[in-house]
PDB file of N, CA and C in Angstrom:
ATOM      1  N   MET A   1       6.007 -55.677  42.326  1.00  0.00           N
ATOM      2  CA  MET A   1       7.121 -54.769  42.172  1.00  0.00           C
ATOM      3  C   MET A   1       7.400 -54.478  40.694  1.00  0.00           C
ATOM      4  N   LYS A   2       7.383 -55.555  39.873  1.00  0.00           N
ATOM      5  CA  LYS A   2       7.607 -55.365  38.449  1.00  0.00           C
ATOM      6  C   LYS A   2       6.491 -54.530  37.822  1.00  0.00           C
ATOM      7  N   LYS A   3       5.277 -54.794  38.243  1.00  0.00           N
ATOM      8  CA  LYS A   3       4.132 -54.072  37.714  1.00  0.00           C
ATOM      9  C   LYS A   3       4.230 -52.582  38.061  1.00  0.00           C
ATOM     10  N   ARG A   4       4.683 -52.327  39.273  1.00  0.00           N
ATOM     11  CA  ARG A   4       4.809 -50.950  39.743  1.00  0.00           C
ATOM     12  C   ARG A   4       5.868 -50.204  38.911  1.00  0.00           C
ATOM     13  N   ASN A   5       6.990 -50.836  38.615  1.00  0.00           N
ATOM     14  CA  ASN A   5       8.039 -50.210  37.806  1.00  0.00           C
ATOM     15  C   ASN A   5       7.551 -49.933  36.376  1.00  0.00           C
ATOM     16  N   ILE A   6       6.800 -50.850  35.826  1.00  0.00           N
ATOM     17  CA  ILE A   6       6.257 -50.665  34.483  1.00  0.00           C
ATOM     18  C   ILE A   6       5.283 -49.493  34.454  1.00  0.00           C
ATOM     19  N   ILE A   7       4.438 -49.393  35.462  1.00  0.00           N
ATOM     20  CA  ILE A   7       3.466 -48.297  35.537  1.00  0.00           C
ATOM     21  C   ILE A   7       4.185 -46.961  35.687  1.00  0.00           C
ATOM     22  N   ILE A   8       5.199 -46.898  36.525  1.00  0.00           N
ATOM     23  CA  ILE A   8       5.962 -45.656  36.725  1.00  0.00           C
ATOM     24  C   ILE A   8       6.673 -45.262  35.423  1.00  0.00           C
ATOM     25  N   THR A   9       7.250 -46.228  34.739  1.00  0.00           N
ATOM     26  CA  THR A   9       7.938 -45.961  33.477  1.00  0.00           C
ATOM     27  C   THR A   9       6.965 -45.428  32.437  1.00  0.00           C
ATOM     28  N   LEU A  10       5.809 -46.057  32.306  1.00  0.00           N
ATOM     29  CA  LEU A  10       4.807 -45.585  31.348  1.00  0.00           C
ATOM     30  C   LEU A  10       4.309 -44.192  31.700  1.00  0.00           C
ATOM     31  N   PHE A  11       4.131 -43.921  32.986  1.00  0.00           N
ATOM     32  CA  PHE A  11       3.700 -42.615  33.445  1.00  0.00           C
ATOM     33  C   PHE A  11       4.739 -41.540  33.092  1.00  0.00           C
ATOM     34  N   LEU A  12       6.009 -41.848  33.293  1.00  0.00           N
ATOM     35  CA  LEU A  12       7.074 -40.890  32.961  1.00  0.00           C
ATOM     36  C   LEU A  12       7.144 -40.640  31.455  1.00  0.00           C
ATOM     37  N   ILE A  13       6.979 -41.699  30.669  1.00  0.00           N
ATOM     38  CA  ILE A  13       6.985 -41.538  29.211  1.00  0.00           C
ATOM     39  C   ILE A  13       5.820 -40.657  28.777  1.00  0.00           C
ATOM     40  N   LEU A  14       4.659 -40.830  29.391  1.00  0.00           N
ATOM     41  CA  LEU A  14       3.489 -40.013  29.085  1.00  0.00           C
ATOM     42  C   LEU A  14       3.739 -38.547  29.414  1.00  0.00           C
ATOM     43  N   ILE A  15       4.314 -38.279  30.564  1.00  0.00           N
ATOM     44  CA  ILE A  15       4.590 -36.890  30.973  1.00  0.00           C
ATOM     45  C   ILE A  15       5.608 -36.249  30.024  1.00  0.00           C
ATOM     46  N   ILE A  16       6.658 -36.977  29.690  1.00  0.00           N
ATOM     47  CA  ILE A  16       7.674 -36.438  28.779  1.00  0.00           C
ATOM     48  C   ILE A  16       7.056 -36.160  27.410  1.00  0.00           C
ATOM     49  N   GLY A  17       6.186 -37.033  26.936  1.00  0.00           N
ATOM     50  CA  GLY A  17       5.524 -36.834  25.655  1.00  0.00           C
ATOM     51  C   GLY A  17       4.649 -35.595  25.644  1.00  0.00           C
ATOM     52  N   VAL A  18       3.913 -35.363  26.730  1.00  0.00           N
ATOM     53  CA  VAL A  18       3.044 -34.191  26.823  1.00  0.00           C
ATOM     54  C   VAL A  18       3.882 -32.913  26.802  1.00  0.00           C
ATOM     55  N   PHE A  19       4.969 -32.870  27.571  1.00  0.00           N
ATOM     56  CA  PHE A  19       5.821 -31.682  27.587  1.00  0.00           C
ATOM     57  C   PHE A  19       6.487 -31.455  26.228  1.00  0.00           C
ATOM     58  N   ASN A  20       6.833 -32.527  25.560  1.00  0.00           N
ATOM     59  CA  ASN A  20       7.453 -32.415  24.246  1.00  0.00           C
ATOM     60  C   ASN A  20       6.466 -31.822  23.241  1.00  0.00           C
ATOM     61  N   ILE A  21       5.229 -32.234  23.283  1.00  0.00           N
ATOM     62  CA  ILE A  21       4.206 -31.698  22.385  1.00  0.00           C
ATOM     63  C   ILE A  21       3.956 -30.230  22.698  1.00  0.00           C
ATOM     64  N   LYS A  22       3.890 -29.869  23.963  1.00  0.00           N
ATOM     65  CA  LYS A  22       3.681 -28.475  24.360  1.00  0.00           C
ATOM     66  C   LYS A  22       4.824 -27.584  23.887  1.00  0.00           C
ATOM     67  N   ALA A  23       6.040 -28.096  23.921  1.00  0.00           N
ATOM     68  CA  ALA A  23       7.203 -27.310  23.511  1.00  0.00           C
ATOM     69  C   ALA A  23       7.134 -26.975  22.028  1.00  0.00           C
ATOM     70  N   GLN A  24       6.569 -27.844  21.233  1.00  0.00           N
ATOM     71  CA  GLN A  24       6.490 -27.615  19.799  1.00  0.00           C
ATOM     72  C   GLN A  24       5.289 -26.765  19.415  1.00  0.00           C
ATOM     73  N   ASP A  25       4.400 -26.516  20.335  1.00  0.00           N
ATOM     74  CA  ASP A  25       3.170 -25.797  20.044  1.00  0.00           C
ATOM     75  C   ASP A  25       3.347 -24.274  20.105  1.00  0.00           C
ATOM     76  N   ASN A  26       4.480 -23.800  20.577  1.00  0.00           N
ATOM     77  CA  ASN A  26       4.681 -22.356  20.715  1.00  0.00           C
ATOM     78  C   ASN A  26       4.819 -21.708  19.348  1.00  0.00           C
ATOM     79  N   GLN A  27       3.967 -20.722  19.089  1.00  0.00           N
ATOM     80  CA  GLN A  27       4.064 -19.950  17.865  1.00  0.00           C
ATOM     81  C   GLN A  27       4.415 -18.526  18.229  1.00  0.00           C
ATOM     82  N   THR A  28       5.311 -17.956  17.453  1.00  0.00           N
ATOM     83  CA  THR A  28       5.667 -16.564  17.706  1.00  0.00           C
ATOM     84  C   THR A  28       4.936 -15.705  16.688  1.00  0.00           C
ATOM     85  N   ASP A  29       4.086 -14.856  17.175  1.00  0.00           N
ATOM     86  CA  ASP A  29       3.365 -13.920  16.327  1.00  0.00           C
ATOM     87  C   ASP A  29       4.000 -12.540  16.467  1.00  0.00           C
ATOM     88  N   ASN A  30       5.265 -12.467  16.111  1.00  0.00           N
ATOM     89  CA  ASN A  30       5.991 -11.219  16.233  1.00  0.00           C
ATOM     90  C   ASN A  30       5.596 -10.293  15.088  1.00  0.00           C
ATOM     91  N   LYS A  31       5.020  -9.167  15.413  1.00  0.00           N
ATOM     92  CA  LYS A  31       4.520  -8.242  14.404  1.00  0.00           C
ATOM     93  C   LYS A  31       5.651  -7.611  13.599  1.00  0.00           C
ATOM     94  N   ASP A  32       6.826  -7.460  14.200  1.00  0.00           N
ATOM     95  CA  ASP A  32       7.965  -6.894  13.475  1.00  0.00           C
ATOM     96  C   ASP A  32       8.421  -7.824  12.345  1.00  0.00           C
ATOM     97  N   ILE A  33       8.459  -9.113  12.614  1.00  0.00           N
ATOM     98  CA  ILE A  33       8.879 -10.081  11.595  1.00  0.00           C
ATOM     99  C   ILE A  33       7.873 -10.110  10.455  1.00  0.00           C
ATOM    100  N   ILE A  34       6.598 -10.131  10.781  1.00  0.00           N
ATOM    101  CA  ILE A  34       5.548 -10.135   9.759  1.00  0.00           C
ATOM    102  C   ILE A  34       5.626  -8.864   8.916  1.00  0.00           C
ATOM    103  N   SER A  35       5.894  -7.739   9.553  1.00  0.00           N
ATOM    104  CA  SER A  35       6.017  -6.472   8.843  1.00  0.00           C
ATOM    105  C   SER A  35       7.213  -6.485   7.889  1.00  0.00           C
ATOM    106  N   LEU A  36       8.344  -7.016   8.341  1.00  0.00           N
ATOM    107  CA  LEU A  36       9.528  -7.085   7.483  1.00  0.00           C
ATOM    108  C   LEU A  36       9.307  -7.993   6.280  1.00  0.00           C
ATOM    109  N   ILE A  37       8.629  -9.102   6.484  1.00  0.00           N
ATOM    110  CA  ILE A  37       8.342 -10.017   5.374  1.00  0.00           C
ATOM    111  C   ILE A  37       7.444  -9.328   4.349  1.00  0.00           C
ATOM    112  N   ALA A  38       6.441  -8.593   4.804  1.00  0.00           N
ATOM    113  CA  ALA A  38       5.548  -7.877   3.885  1.00  0.00           C
ATOM    114  C   ALA A  38       6.313  -6.808   3.106  1.00  0.00           C
ATOM    115  N   LYS A  39       7.221  -6.093   3.775  1.00  0.00           N
ATOM    116  CA  LYS A  39       8.020  -5.077   3.092  1.00  0.00           C
ATOM    117  C   LYS A  39       8.932  -5.702   2.043  1.00  0.00           C
ATOM    118  N   LYS A  40       9.527  -6.838   2.368  1.00  0.00           N
ATOM    119  CA  LYS A  40      10.416  -7.528   1.423  1.00  0.00           C
ATOM    120  C   LYS A  40       9.637  -7.994   0.196  1.00  0.00           C
ATOM    121  N   ARG A  41       8.440  -8.511   0.383  1.00  0.00           N
ATOM    122  CA  ARG A  41       7.617  -8.952  -0.748  1.00  0.00           C
ATOM    123  C   ARG A  41       7.233  -7.769  -1.633  1.00  0.00           C
ATOM    124  N   ALA A  42       6.872  -6.645  -1.018  1.00  0.00           N
ATOM    125  CA  ALA A  42       6.510  -5.456  -1.786  1.00  0.00           C
ATOM    126  C   ALA A  42       7.717  -4.930  -2.563  1.00  0.00           C
ATOM    127  N   TYR A  43       8.879  -4.945  -1.946  1.00  0.00           N
ATOM    128  CA  TYR A  43      10.103  -4.499  -2.609  1.00  0.00           C
ATOM    129  C   TYR A  43      10.417  -5.384  -3.815  1.00  0.00           C
ATOM    130  N   ASN A  44      10.302  -6.692  -3.631  1.00  0.00           N
ATOM    131  CA  ASN A  44      10.589  -7.619  -4.724  1.00  0.00           C
ATOM    132  C   ASN A  44       9.605  -7.459  -5.876  1.00  0.00           C
ATOM    133  N   LYS A  45       8.334  -7.135  -5.565  1.00  0.00           N
ATOM    134  CA  LYS A  45       7.339  -6.939  -6.615  1.00  0.00           C
ATOM    135  C   LYS A  45       7.677  -5.712  -7.459  1.00  0.00           C
ATOM    136  N   ASN A  46       8.066  -4.645  -6.788  1.00  0.00           N
ATOM    137  CA  ASN A  46       8.338  -3.390  -7.484  1.00  0.00           C
ATOM    138  C   ASN A  46       9.693  -3.394  -8.191  1.00  0.00           C
ATOM    139  N   ASN A  47      10.695  -3.924  -7.553  1.00  0.00           N
ATOM    140  CA  ASN A  47      12.057  -3.846  -8.086  1.00  0.00           C
ATOM    141  C   ASN A  47      12.504  -5.118  -8.786  1.00  0.00           C
ATOM    142  N   GLY A  48      11.736  -6.132  -8.654  1.00  0.00           N
ATOM    143  CA  GLY A  48      12.087  -7.385  -9.305  1.00  0.00           C
ATOM    144  C   GLY A  48      13.222  -8.093  -8.584  1.00  0.00           C
ATOM    145  N   SER A  49      13.155  -9.350  -8.641  1.00  0.00           N
ATOM    146  CA  SER A  49      14.256 -10.148  -8.123  1.00  0.00           C
ATOM    147  C   SER A  49      14.231 -11.438  -8.900  1.00  0.00           C
ATOM    148  N   GLY A  50      15.357 -11.851  -9.319  1.00  0.00           N
ATOM    149  CA  GLY A  50      15.430 -13.054 -10.094  1.00  0.00           C
ATOM    150  C   GLY A  50      16.532 -12.952 -11.126  1.00  0.00           C
ATOM    151  N   TYR A  51      16.450 -13.805 -12.128  1.00  0.00           N
ATOM    152  CA  TYR A  51      17.520 -13.898 -13.124  1.00  0.00           C
ATOM    153  C   TYR A  51      16.946 -14.073 -14.513  1.00  0.00           C
ATOM    154  N   ARG A  52      17.711 -13.642 -15.498  1.00  0.00           N
ATOM    155  CA  ARG A  52      17.417 -13.862 -16.904  1.00  0.00           C
ATOM    156  C   ARG A  52      18.684 -14.375 -17.569  1.00  0.00           C
ATOM    157  N   ILE A  53      18.513 -14.905 -18.749  1.00  0.00           N
ATOM    158  CA  ILE A  53      19.651 -15.340 -19.546  1.00  0.00           C
ATOM    159  C   ILE A  53      19.812 -14.344 -20.682  1.00  0.00           C
ATOM    160  N   GLN A  54      21.003 -13.776 -20.793  1.00  0.00           N
ATOM    161  CA  GLN A  54      21.283 -12.817 -21.843  1.00  0.00           C
ATOM    162  C   GLN A  54      21.984 -13.531 -22.988  1.00  0.00           C
ATOM    163  N   LEU A  55      21.352 -13.485 -24.157  1.00  0.00           N
ATOM    164  CA  LEU A  55      21.897 -14.154 -25.330  1.00  0.00           C
ATOM    165  C   LEU A  55      22.949 -13.306 -26.041  1.00  0.00           C
ATOM    166  N   TYR A  56      22.716 -11.984 -26.046  1.00  0.00           N
ATOM    167  CA  TYR A  56      23.573 -11.124 -26.855  1.00  0.00           C
ATOM    168  C   TYR A  56      23.553  -9.712 -26.307  1.00  0.00           C
ATOM    169  N   ASN A  57      24.662  -9.009 -26.516  1.00  0.00           N
ATOM    170  CA  ASN A  57      24.791  -7.607 -26.140  1.00  0.00           C
ATOM    171  C   ASN A  57      25.574  -6.928 -27.247  1.00  0.00           C
ATOM    172  N   GLY A  58      24.910  -6.063 -28.027  1.00  0.00           N
ATOM    173  CA  GLY A  58      25.619  -5.412 -29.132  1.00  0.00           C
ATOM    174  C   GLY A  58      24.682  -4.720 -30.095  1.00  0.00           C
ATOM    175  N   LEU A  59      24.861  -4.996 -31.378  1.00  0.00           N
ATOM    176  CA  LEU A  59      24.115  -4.316 -32.442  1.00  0.00           C
ATOM    177  C   LEU A  59      22.652  -4.748 -32.490  1.00  0.00           C
ATOM    178  N   GLU A  60      21.799  -3.789 -32.899  1.00  0.00           N
ATOM    179  CA  GLU A  60      20.356  -4.021 -32.929  1.00  0.00           C
ATOM    180  C   GLU A  60      19.963  -5.160 -33.864  1.00  0.00           C
ATOM    181  N   LYS A  61      20.509  -5.160 -35.064  1.00  0.00           N
ATOM    182  CA  LYS A  61      20.127  -6.154 -36.062  1.00  0.00           C
ATOM    183  C   LYS A  61      20.450  -7.574 -35.562  1.00  0.00           C
ATOM    184  N   ARG A  62      21.619  -7.757 -35.009  1.00  0.00           N
ATOM    185  CA  ARG A  62      22.032  -9.076 -34.499  1.00  0.00           C
ATOM    186  C   ARG A  62      21.183  -9.484 -33.300  1.00  0.00           C
ATOM    187  N   ALA A  63      20.873  -8.544 -32.408  1.00  0.00           N
ATOM    188  CA  ALA A  63      20.050  -8.831 -31.233  1.00  0.00           C
ATOM    189  C   ALA A  63      18.657  -9.296 -31.651  1.00  0.00           C
ATOM    190  N   LYS A  64      18.073  -8.595 -32.627  1.00  0.00           N
ATOM    191  CA  LYS A  64      16.741  -8.980 -33.100  1.00  0.00           C
ATOM    192  C   LYS A  64      16.751 -10.343 -33.786  1.00  0.00           C
ATOM    193  N   SER A  65      17.788 -10.619 -34.560  1.00  0.00           N
ATOM    194  CA  SER A  65      17.840 -11.916 -35.243  1.00  0.00           C
ATOM    195  C   SER A  65      18.039 -13.058 -34.246  1.00  0.00           C
ATOM    196  N   LEU A  66      18.854 -12.848 -33.218  1.00  0.00           N
ATOM    197  CA  LEU A  66      19.037 -13.889 -32.189  1.00  0.00           C
ATOM    198  C   LEU A  66      17.748 -14.113 -31.397  1.00  0.00           C
ATOM    199  N   ARG A  67      17.052 -13.030 -31.112  1.00  0.00           N
ATOM    200  CA  ARG A  67      15.785 -13.156 -30.387  1.00  0.00           C
ATOM    201  C   ARG A  67      14.784 -13.966 -31.211  1.00  0.00           C
ATOM    202  N   TYR A  68      14.691 -13.661 -32.505  1.00  0.00           N
ATOM    203  CA  TYR A  68      13.768 -14.394 -33.376  1.00  0.00           C
ATOM    204  C   TYR A  68      14.160 -15.871 -33.463  1.00  0.00           C
ATOM    205  N   ARG A  69      15.470 -16.120 -33.633  1.00  0.00           N
ATOM    206  CA  ARG A  69      15.951 -17.507 -33.703  1.00  0.00           C
ATOM    207  C   ARG A  69      15.640 -18.262 -32.420  1.00  0.00           C
ATOM    208  N   PHE A  70      15.793 -17.566 -31.281  1.00  0.00           N
ATOM    209  CA  PHE A  70      15.489 -18.202 -29.997  1.00  0.00           C
ATOM    210  C   PHE A  70      14.002 -18.536 -29.903  1.00  0.00           C
ATOM    211  N   GLN A  71      13.132 -17.625 -30.335  1.00  0.00           N
ATOM    212  CA  GLN A  71      11.693 -17.862 -30.291  1.00  0.00           C
ATOM    213  C   GLN A  71      11.298 -19.051 -31.147  1.00  0.00           C
ATOM    214  N   VAL A  72      12.002 -19.265 -32.239  1.00  0.00           N
ATOM    215  CA  VAL A  72      11.728 -20.415 -33.100  1.00  0.00           C
ATOM    216  C   VAL A  72      12.200 -21.699 -32.417  1.00  0.00           C
ATOM    217  N   GLU A  73      13.397 -21.665 -31.816  1.00  0.00           N
ATOM    218  CA  GLU A  73      13.978 -22.846 -31.167  1.00  0.00           C
ATOM    219  C   GLU A  73      13.245 -23.229 -29.878  1.00  0.00           C
ATOM    220  N   TYR A  74      12.868 -22.223 -29.092  1.00  0.00           N
ATOM    221  CA  TYR A  74      12.236 -22.458 -27.789  1.00  0.00           C
ATOM    222  C   TYR A  74      10.933 -21.664 -27.688  1.00  0.00           C
ATOM    223  N   PRO A  75       9.872 -22.112 -28.341  1.00  0.00           N
ATOM    224  CA  PRO A  75       8.609 -21.374 -28.262  1.00  0.00           C
ATOM    225  C   PRO A  75       8.040 -21.448 -26.841  1.00  0.00           C
ATOM    226  N   GLY A  76       7.419 -20.377 -26.423  1.00  0.00           N
ATOM    227  CA  GLY A  76       6.798 -20.351 -25.110  1.00  0.00           C
ATOM    228  C   GLY A  76       7.685 -19.794 -24.013  1.00  0.00           C
ATOM    229  N   VAL A  77       8.969 -19.574 -24.283  1.00  0.00           N
ATOM    230  CA  VAL A  77       9.871 -18.985 -23.294  1.00  0.00           C
ATOM    231  C   VAL A  77       9.845 -17.475 -23.489  1.00  0.00           C
ATOM    232  N   TYR A  78       9.726 -16.738 -22.388  1.00  0.00           N
ATOM    233  CA  TYR A  78       9.664 -15.276 -22.431  1.00  0.00           C
ATOM    234  C   TYR A  78      10.951 -14.709 -23.026  1.00  0.00           C
ATOM    235  N   THR A  79      10.816 -13.777 -23.970  1.00  0.00           N
ATOM    236  CA  THR A  79      11.980 -13.103 -24.555  1.00  0.00           C
ATOM    237  C   THR A  79      11.804 -11.597 -24.430  1.00  0.00           C
ATOM    238  N   LYS A  80      12.924 -10.909 -24.323  1.00  0.00           N
ATOM    239  CA  LYS A  80      12.883  -9.458 -24.157  1.00  0.00           C
ATOM    240  C   LYS A  80      14.040  -8.843 -24.915  1.00  0.00           C
ATOM    241  N   LEU A  81      13.745  -7.776 -25.630  1.00  0.00           N
ATOM    242  CA  LEU A  81      14.771  -7.006 -26.316  1.00  0.00           C
ATOM    243  C   LEU A  81      14.903  -5.686 -25.565  1.00  0.00           C
ATOM    244  N   LYS A  82      16.086  -5.401 -25.070  1.00  0.00           N
ATOM    245  CA  LYS A  82      16.294  -4.232 -24.209  1.00  0.00           C
ATOM    246  C   LYS A  82      17.365  -3.335 -24.823  1.00  0.00           C
ATOM    247  N   TYR A  83      17.128  -2.030 -24.736  1.00  0.00           N
ATOM    248  CA  TYR A  83      18.103  -1.078 -25.272  1.00  0.00           C
ATOM    249  C   TYR A  83      18.704  -0.292 -24.126  1.00  0.00           C
ATOM    250  N   ASP A  84      19.976  -0.489 -23.886  1.00  0.00           N
ATOM    251  CA  ASP A  84      20.760   0.320 -22.957  1.00  0.00           C
ATOM    252  C   ASP A  84      21.836   0.987 -23.783  1.00  0.00           C
ATOM    253  N   GLN A  85      21.675   2.259 -23.992  1.00  0.00           N
ATOM    254  CA  GLN A  85      22.514   3.001 -24.908  1.00  0.00           C
ATOM    255  C   GLN A  85      23.989   2.707 -24.684  1.00  0.00           C
ATOM    256  N   PRO A  86      24.749   2.336 -25.628  1.00  0.00           N
ATOM    257  CA  PRO A  86      24.511   2.218 -27.070  1.00  0.00           C
ATOM    258  C   PRO A  86      24.218   0.791 -27.517  1.00  0.00           C
ATOM    259  N   ASP A  87      23.980  -0.134 -26.603  1.00  0.00           N
ATOM    260  CA  ASP A  87      23.851  -1.550 -26.960  1.00  0.00           C
ATOM    261  C   ASP A  87      22.428  -2.072 -26.826  1.00  0.00           C
ATOM    262  N   TRP A  88      22.136  -3.079 -27.640  1.00  0.00           N
ATOM    263  CA  TRP A  88      20.890  -3.829 -27.564  1.00  0.00           C
ATOM    264  C   TRP A  88      21.172  -5.149 -26.876  1.00  0.00           C
ATOM    265  N   LYS A  89      20.222  -5.607 -26.060  1.00  0.00           N
ATOM    266  CA  LYS A  89      20.399  -6.859 -25.330  1.00  0.00           C
ATOM    267  C   LYS A  89      19.221  -7.775 -25.607  1.00  0.00           C
ATOM    268  N   ALA A  90      19.525  -8.992 -25.967  1.00  0.00           N
ATOM    269  CA  ALA A  90      18.495 -10.013 -26.150  1.00  0.00           C
ATOM    270  C   ALA A  90      18.514 -10.885 -24.903  1.00  0.00           C
ATOM    271  N   GLN A  91      17.426 -10.819 -24.125  1.00  0.00           N
ATOM    272  CA  GLN A  91      17.338 -11.555 -22.863  1.00  0.00           C
ATOM    273  C   GLN A  91      16.143 -12.489 -22.896  1.00  0.00           C
ATOM    274  N   VAL A  92      16.275 -13.625 -22.224  1.00  0.00           N
ATOM    275  CA  VAL A  92      15.202 -14.621 -22.223  1.00  0.00           C
ATOM    276  C   VAL A  92      14.973 -15.158 -20.820  1.00  0.00           C
ATOM    277  N   GLY A  93      13.721 -15.580 -20.583  1.00  0.00           N
ATOM    278  CA  GLY A  93      13.364 -16.262 -19.344  1.00  0.00           C
ATOM    279  C   GLY A  93      13.144 -15.339 -18.169  1.00  0.00           C
ATOM    280  N   ASN A  94      12.426 -15.852 -17.197  1.00  0.00           N
ATOM    281  CA  ASN A  94      12.240 -15.230 -15.892  1.00  0.00           C
ATOM    282  C   ASN A  94      12.424 -16.333 -14.863  1.00  0.00           C
ATOM    283  N   TYR A  95      13.531 -16.305 -14.149  1.00  0.00           N
ATOM    284  CA  TYR A  95      13.854 -17.368 -13.199  1.00  0.00           C
ATOM    285  C   TYR A  95      13.984 -16.774 -11.805  1.00  0.00           C
ATOM    286  N   LYS A  96      13.363 -17.428 -10.843  1.00  0.00           N
ATOM    287  CA  LYS A  96      13.393 -16.926  -9.470  1.00  0.00           C
ATOM    288  C   LYS A  96      14.729 -17.171  -8.788  1.00  0.00           C
ATOM    289  N   THR A  97      15.356 -18.300  -9.081  1.00  0.00           N
ATOM    290  CA  THR A  97      16.614 -18.625  -8.413  1.00  0.00           C
ATOM    291  C   THR A  97      17.741 -18.778  -9.430  1.00  0.00           C
ATOM    292  N   ARG A  98      18.947 -18.633  -8.952  1.00  0.00           N
ATOM    293  CA  ARG A  98      20.120 -18.792  -9.804  1.00  0.00           C
ATOM    294  C   ARG A  98      20.224 -20.237 -10.304  1.00  0.00           C
ATOM    295  N   LEU A  99      19.805 -21.171  -9.455  1.00  0.00           N
ATOM    296  CA  LEU A  99      19.865 -22.582  -9.828  1.00  0.00           C
ATOM    297  C   LEU A  99      18.963 -22.869 -11.030  1.00  0.00           C
ATOM    298  N   GLN A 100      17.741 -22.333 -11.031  1.00  0.00           N
ATOM    299  CA  GLN A 100      16.837 -22.519 -12.170  1.00  0.00           C
ATOM    300  C   GLN A 100      17.431 -21.915 -13.440  1.00  0.00           C
ATOM    301  N   ALA A 101      18.022 -20.732 -13.300  1.00  0.00           N
ATOM    302  CA  ALA A 101      18.610 -20.064 -14.458  1.00  0.00           C
ATOM    303  C   ALA A 101      19.801 -20.857 -14.995  1.00  0.00           C
ATOM    304  N   ASP A 102      20.618 -21.402 -14.111  1.00  0.00           N
ATOM    305  CA  ASP A 102      21.780 -22.190 -14.552  1.00  0.00           C
ATOM    306  C   ASP A 102      21.359 -23.473 -15.259  1.00  0.00           C
ATOM    307  N   LYS A 103      20.294 -24.095 -14.776  1.00  0.00           N
ATOM    308  CA  LYS A 103      19.796 -25.307 -15.445  1.00  0.00           C
ATOM    309  C   LYS A 103      19.323 -24.981 -16.857  1.00  0.00           C
ATOM    310  N   ALA A 104      18.587 -23.888 -16.998  1.00  0.00           N
ATOM    311  CA  ALA A 104      18.121 -23.480 -18.323  1.00  0.00           C
ATOM    312  C   ALA A 104      19.291 -23.062 -19.207  1.00  0.00           C
ATOM    313  N   LEU A 105      20.296 -22.429 -18.615  1.00  0.00           N
ATOM    314  CA  LEU A 105      21.465 -22.002 -19.372  1.00  0.00           C
ATOM    315  C   LEU A 105      22.196 -23.191 -19.984  1.00  0.00           C
ATOM    316  N   ASN A 106      22.285 -24.284 -19.249  1.00  0.00           N
ATOM    317  CA  ASN A 106      22.948 -25.483 -19.787  1.00  0.00           C
ATOM    318  C   ASN A 106      22.253 -25.987 -21.043  1.00  0.00           C
ATOM    319  N   ILE A 107      20.938 -25.895 -21.064  1.00  0.00           N
ATOM    320  CA  ILE A 107      20.175 -26.336 -22.241  1.00  0.00           C
ATOM    321  C   ILE A 107      20.330 -25.325 -23.381  1.00  0.00           C
ATOM    322  N   ILE A 108      20.253 -24.051 -23.053  1.00  0.00           N
ATOM    323  CA  ILE A 108      20.295 -22.999 -24.070  1.00  0.00           C
ATOM    324  C   ILE A 108      21.684 -22.893 -24.701  1.00  0.00           C
ATOM    325  N   ARG A 109      22.718 -23.135 -23.929  1.00  0.00           N
ATOM    326  CA  ARG A 109      24.091 -23.016 -24.451  1.00  0.00           C
ATOM    327  C   ARG A 109      24.405 -24.018 -25.551  1.00  0.00           C
ATOM    328  N   GLU A 110      23.596 -25.057 -25.691  1.00  0.00           N
ATOM    329  CA  GLU A 110      23.810 -26.004 -26.787  1.00  0.00           C
ATOM    330  C   GLU A 110      23.640 -25.323 -28.139  1.00  0.00           C
ATOM    331  N   LYS A 111      22.758 -24.320 -28.217  1.00  0.00           N
ATOM    332  CA  LYS A 111      22.495 -23.640 -29.488  1.00  0.00           C
ATOM    333  C   LYS A 111      22.928 -22.179 -29.472  1.00  0.00           C
ATOM    334  N   PHE A 112      23.071 -21.591 -28.280  1.00  0.00           N
ATOM    335  CA  PHE A 112      23.493 -20.191 -28.140  1.00  0.00           C
ATOM    336  C   PHE A 112      24.666 -20.164 -27.163  1.00  0.00           C
ATOM    337  N   ASN A 113      25.870 -20.337 -27.680  1.00  0.00           N
ATOM    338  CA  ASN A 113      27.015 -20.549 -26.806  1.00  0.00           C
ATOM    339  C   ASN A 113      27.502 -19.300 -26.067  1.00  0.00           C
ATOM    340  N   GLY A 114      27.072 -18.117 -26.435  1.00  0.00           N
ATOM    341  CA  GLY A 114      27.517 -16.908 -25.750  1.00  0.00           C
ATOM    342  C   GLY A 114      26.590 -16.466 -24.635  1.00  0.00           C
ATOM    343  N   ALA A 115      25.621 -17.282 -24.273  1.00  0.00           N
ATOM    344  CA  ALA A 115      24.621 -16.890 -23.289  1.00  0.00           C
ATOM    345  C   ALA A 115      25.222 -16.854 -21.888  1.00  0.00           C
ATOM    346  N   ILE A 116      24.717 -15.899 -21.079  1.00  0.00           N
ATOM    347  CA  ILE A 116      25.149 -15.781 -19.674  1.00  0.00           C
ATOM    348  C   ILE A 116      23.931 -15.501 -18.801  1.00  0.00           C
ATOM    349  N   VAL A 117      24.038 -15.809 -17.510  1.00  0.00           N
ATOM    350  CA  VAL A 117      22.977 -15.515 -16.550  1.00  0.00           C
ATOM    351  C   VAL A 117      23.237 -14.145 -15.943  1.00  0.00           C
ATOM    352  N   ILE A 118      22.171 -13.320 -15.896  1.00  0.00           N
ATOM    353  CA  ILE A 118      22.294 -11.989 -15.302  1.00  0.00           C
ATOM    354  C   ILE A 118      21.171 -11.772 -14.295  1.00  0.00           C
ATOM    355  N   PRO A 119      21.414 -11.021 -13.227  1.00  0.00           N
ATOM    356  CA  PRO A 119      20.335 -10.689 -12.305  1.00  0.00           C
ATOM    357  C   PRO A 119      19.422  -9.627 -12.916  1.00  0.00           C
ATOM    358  N   ILE A 120      18.167  -9.673 -12.531  1.00  0.00           N
ATOM    359  CA  ILE A 120      17.210  -8.675 -13.041  1.00  0.00           C
ATOM    360  C   ILE A 120      17.343  -7.412 -12.234  1.00  0.00           C
TER     361      ILE A 120
END
């Protein structure tokens, strides 16, 4: 009797395990979802998505000097000088997430206290 109960219990555990594995094996190959993901990636490539740190917004001479000073302090970090009439902007970095940009901002603010994070 005990042996029979043990065998039945093991058999039930085996059946439940098989059904559990089958339940996790379902993959959805929905073409609409795949299409939307591809469109989102193409949009992000063309229009950009991410964040930069803006060091300065104002006069050309000051923007260029801050950009040069930043390049000396942090070599290897991408820098960009942008002109949006009538102001010049010194921007640095290319960050995918706001969290990455905020972490870099904490380090950069030690030497450039007016820096802010802006979306691209």
